[in-house]
Amino acid sequence: MPNPKRRHSVSRRDKRRANWKLYIPTLSICPMCKEFKLPHFACFNCGYYNEEKVLKTKKEIEEERKRKGKS
């Protein structure tokens, strides 16, 4: 395998690492429950995307389990 012929300087190393940044994700507001959500993702709080129910929430799943356990 090839190895570097000469040592990289500190400034070259730091220039390369200058692009390793953290960013704050952009958030939008869910039109159904008014909670923050990632754009183009279903809302984790209410389970809606484009005003259609696409996910079950934790509350709904727990209620279904309770109903199944009782019967």
N, C-alpha and C. Protein backbone atom coordinates (compact mmCIF):
# COMPACT_ATOMS: atom_id res chain seq x y z
N MET A 1 0.84 -1.19 0.00
CA MET A 1 0.00 0.00 0.00
C MET A 1 0.88 1.24 0.00
N PRO A 2 0.42 2.27 -0.70
CA PRO A 2 1.23 3.49 -0.75
C PRO A 2 1.23 4.22 0.57
N ASN A 3 2.35 4.81 0.87
CA ASN A 3 2.50 5.62 2.07
C ASN A 3 2.86 7.04 1.67
N PRO A 4 2.53 8.02 2.52
CA PRO A 4 2.89 9.38 2.18
C PRO A 4 4.41 9.56 2.13
N LYS A 5 4.86 10.30 1.13
CA LYS A 5 6.30 10.50 0.97
C LYS A 5 6.82 11.50 1.99
N ARG A 6 6.00 12.53 2.27
CA ARG A 6 6.41 13.55 3.24
C ARG A 6 5.29 13.78 4.25
N ARG A 7 5.68 14.29 5.38
CA ARG A 7 4.73 14.57 6.44
C ARG A 7 3.84 15.76 6.06
N HIS A 8 2.54 15.64 6.37
CA HIS A 8 1.63 16.76 6.12
C HIS A 8 1.79 17.78 7.24
N SER A 9 1.79 19.03 6.86
CA SER A 9 1.95 20.08 7.86
C SER A 9 0.68 20.20 8.71
N VAL A 10 0.81 20.89 9.84
CA VAL A 10 -0.31 21.09 10.75
C VAL A 10 -1.41 21.88 10.05
N SER A 11 -1.03 22.89 9.28
CA SER A 11 -2.05 23.70 8.61
C SER A 11 -2.81 22.89 7.57
N ARG A 12 -2.14 21.99 6.86
CA ARG A 12 -2.85 21.14 5.89
C ARG A 12 -3.81 20.20 6.59
N ARG A 13 -3.37 19.66 7.71
CA ARG A 13 -4.25 18.78 8.49
C ARG A 13 -5.47 19.55 8.98
N ASP A 14 -5.24 20.76 9.48
CA ASP A 14 -6.35 21.55 10.01
C ASP A 14 -7.30 22.02 8.92
N LYS A 15 -6.77 22.30 7.74
CA LYS A 15 -7.64 22.67 6.61
C LYS A 15 -8.57 21.52 6.25
N ARG A 16 -8.05 20.32 6.29
CA ARG A 16 -8.86 19.15 5.97
C ARG A 16 -9.94 18.95 7.03
N ARG A 17 -9.61 19.19 8.28
CA ARG A 17 -10.56 18.98 9.36
C ARG A 17 -11.55 20.14 9.53
N ALA A 18 -11.32 21.24 8.82
CA ALA A 18 -12.19 22.40 8.96
C ALA A 18 -13.61 22.11 8.47
N ASN A 19 -13.78 21.10 7.65
CA ASN A 19 -15.10 20.79 7.09
C ASN A 19 -15.91 19.84 7.97
N TRP A 20 -15.37 19.40 9.07
CA TRP A 20 -16.10 18.52 9.98
C TRP A 20 -16.92 19.38 10.92
N LYS A 21 -18.11 19.73 10.52
CA LYS A 21 -18.93 20.63 11.33
C LYS A 21 -20.22 19.93 11.74
N LEU A 22 -20.73 20.32 12.86
CA LEU A 22 -22.06 19.91 13.27
C LEU A 22 -23.03 20.98 12.81
N TYR A 23 -24.23 20.60 12.51
CA TYR A 23 -25.22 21.58 12.10
C TYR A 23 -26.52 21.32 12.85
N ILE A 24 -27.29 22.36 12.99
CA ILE A 24 -28.59 22.24 13.63
C ILE A 24 -29.59 21.87 12.54
N PRO A 25 -30.32 20.78 12.69
CA PRO A 25 -31.25 20.39 11.64
C PRO A 25 -32.39 21.39 11.52
N THR A 26 -32.84 21.61 10.30
CA THR A 26 -33.97 22.51 10.10
C THR A 26 -35.24 21.79 10.56
N LEU A 27 -36.08 22.51 11.23
CA LEU A 27 -37.31 21.93 11.76
C LEU A 27 -38.51 22.67 11.18
N SER A 28 -39.57 21.94 10.97
CA SER A 28 -40.82 22.55 10.55
C SER A 28 -41.87 22.21 11.60
N ILE A 29 -43.01 22.85 11.51
CA ILE A 29 -44.06 22.64 12.49
C ILE A 29 -45.13 21.74 11.89
N CYS A 30 -45.53 20.74 12.63
CA CYS A 30 -46.57 19.81 12.19
C CYS A 30 -47.90 20.57 12.13
N PRO A 31 -48.62 20.49 11.00
CA PRO A 31 -49.90 21.22 10.92
C PRO A 31 -50.99 20.61 11.78
N MET A 32 -50.84 19.36 12.19
CA MET A 32 -51.89 18.70 12.98
C MET A 32 -51.75 18.96 14.48
N CYS A 33 -50.53 18.77 15.02
CA CYS A 33 -50.36 18.87 16.47
C CYS A 33 -49.48 20.05 16.88
N LYS A 34 -48.93 20.79 15.91
CA LYS A 34 -48.12 21.99 16.15
C LYS A 34 -46.80 21.70 16.87
N GLU A 35 -46.32 20.46 16.80
CA GLU A 35 -45.01 20.10 17.36
C GLU A 35 -43.94 20.26 16.28
N PHE A 36 -42.69 20.40 16.70
CA PHE A 36 -41.60 20.46 15.74
C PHE A 36 -41.34 19.08 15.15
N LYS A 37 -41.03 19.05 13.85
CA LYS A 37 -40.71 17.79 13.18
C LYS A 37 -39.70 18.07 12.09
N LEU A 38 -39.03 17.02 11.61
CA LEU A 38 -38.11 17.17 10.49
C LEU A 38 -38.92 17.31 9.20
N PRO A 39 -38.48 18.18 8.29
CA PRO A 39 -39.23 18.31 7.04
C PRO A 39 -39.16 17.02 6.21
N HIS A 40 -40.24 16.71 5.53
CA HIS A 40 -40.38 15.52 4.69
C HIS A 40 -40.33 14.23 5.51
N PHE A 41 -40.64 14.30 6.79
CA PHE A 41 -40.74 13.13 7.66
C PHE A 41 -42.12 13.16 8.31
N ALA A 42 -42.60 11.99 8.68
CA ALA A 42 -43.85 11.93 9.43
C ALA A 42 -43.60 12.45 10.84
N CYS A 43 -44.62 13.06 11.41
CA CYS A 43 -44.50 13.59 12.78
C CYS A 43 -44.47 12.42 13.76
N PHE A 44 -43.50 12.40 14.65
CA PHE A 44 -43.39 11.31 15.62
C PHE A 44 -44.41 11.46 16.74
N ASN A 45 -44.91 12.67 16.94
CA ASN A 45 -45.85 12.90 18.02
C ASN A 45 -47.26 12.41 17.66
N CYS A 46 -47.75 12.77 16.46
CA CYS A 46 -49.12 12.40 16.09
C CYS A 46 -49.20 11.37 14.98
N GLY A 47 -48.11 11.16 14.20
CA GLY A 47 -48.10 10.14 13.17
C GLY A 47 -48.64 10.59 11.83
N TYR A 48 -48.80 11.89 11.61
CA TYR A 48 -49.35 12.38 10.36
C TYR A 48 -48.24 12.85 9.43
N TYR A 49 -48.50 12.70 8.11
CA TYR A 49 -47.63 13.24 7.06
C TYR A 49 -48.53 13.70 5.94
N ASN A 50 -48.40 14.96 5.52
CA ASN A 50 -49.27 15.55 4.50
C ASN A 50 -50.75 15.36 4.86
N GLU A 51 -51.06 15.59 6.11
CA GLU A 51 -52.42 15.51 6.65
C GLU A 51 -53.05 14.13 6.48
N GLU A 52 -52.24 13.09 6.42
CA GLU A 52 -52.71 11.71 6.39
C GLU A 52 -52.05 10.93 7.51
N LYS A 53 -52.81 10.09 8.17
CA LYS A 53 -52.26 9.26 9.25
C LYS A 53 -51.44 8.13 8.64
N VAL A 54 -50.13 8.10 8.94
CA VAL A 54 -49.26 7.07 8.37
C VAL A 54 -48.55 6.24 9.43
N LEU A 55 -48.49 6.71 10.66
CA LEU A 55 -47.82 5.99 11.74
C LEU A 55 -48.74 5.85 12.94
N LYS A 56 -48.54 4.77 13.68
CA LYS A 56 -49.23 4.64 14.96
C LYS A 56 -48.33 5.23 16.03
N THR A 57 -48.91 5.97 16.96
CA THR A 57 -48.13 6.55 18.04
C THR A 57 -47.96 5.52 19.15
N LYS A 58 -47.07 5.81 20.07
CA LYS A 58 -46.83 4.89 21.19
C LYS A 58 -48.10 4.71 22.01
N LYS A 59 -48.85 5.79 22.18
CA LYS A 59 -50.09 5.72 22.96
C LYS A 59 -51.08 4.75 22.32
N GLU A 60 -51.22 4.85 20.99
CA GLU A 60 -52.16 3.97 20.29
C GLU A 60 -51.73 2.51 20.39
N ILE A 61 -50.44 2.25 20.28
CA ILE A 61 -49.94 0.88 20.37
C ILE A 61 -50.18 0.31 21.76
N GLU A 62 -49.95 1.12 22.80
CA GLU A 62 -50.18 0.66 24.17
C GLU A 62 -51.66 0.38 24.41
N GLU A 63 -52.54 1.24 23.87
CA GLU A 63 -53.98 1.02 24.04
C GLU A 63 -54.42 -0.27 23.35
N GLU A 64 -53.87 -0.56 22.17
CA GLU A 64 -54.21 -1.80 21.47
C GLU A 64 -53.76 -3.02 22.28
N ARG A 65 -52.57 -2.95 22.88
CA ARG A 65 -52.07 -4.06 23.68
C ARG A 65 -52.96 -4.30 24.90
N LYS A 66 -53.42 -3.19 25.51
CA LYS A 66 -54.30 -3.33 26.68
C LYS A 66 -55.63 -3.97 26.28
N ARG A 67 -56.18 -3.55 25.12
CA ARG A 67 -57.45 -4.11 24.65
C ARG A 67 -57.29 -5.60 24.34
N LYS A 68 -56.18 -6.00 23.72
CA LYS A 68 -55.96 -7.40 23.39
C LYS A 68 -55.79 -8.23 24.65
N GLY A 69 -55.14 -7.66 25.67
CA GLY A 69 -54.92 -8.39 26.91
C GLY A 69 -56.18 -8.61 27.69
N LYS A 70 -57.15 -7.69 27.59
CA LYS A 70 -58.41 -7.81 28.34
C LYS A 70 -59.34 -8.86 27.74
N SER A 71 -59.35 -8.99 26.43
CA SER A 71 -60.29 -9.92 25.78
C SER A 71 -59.80 -11.32 25.71
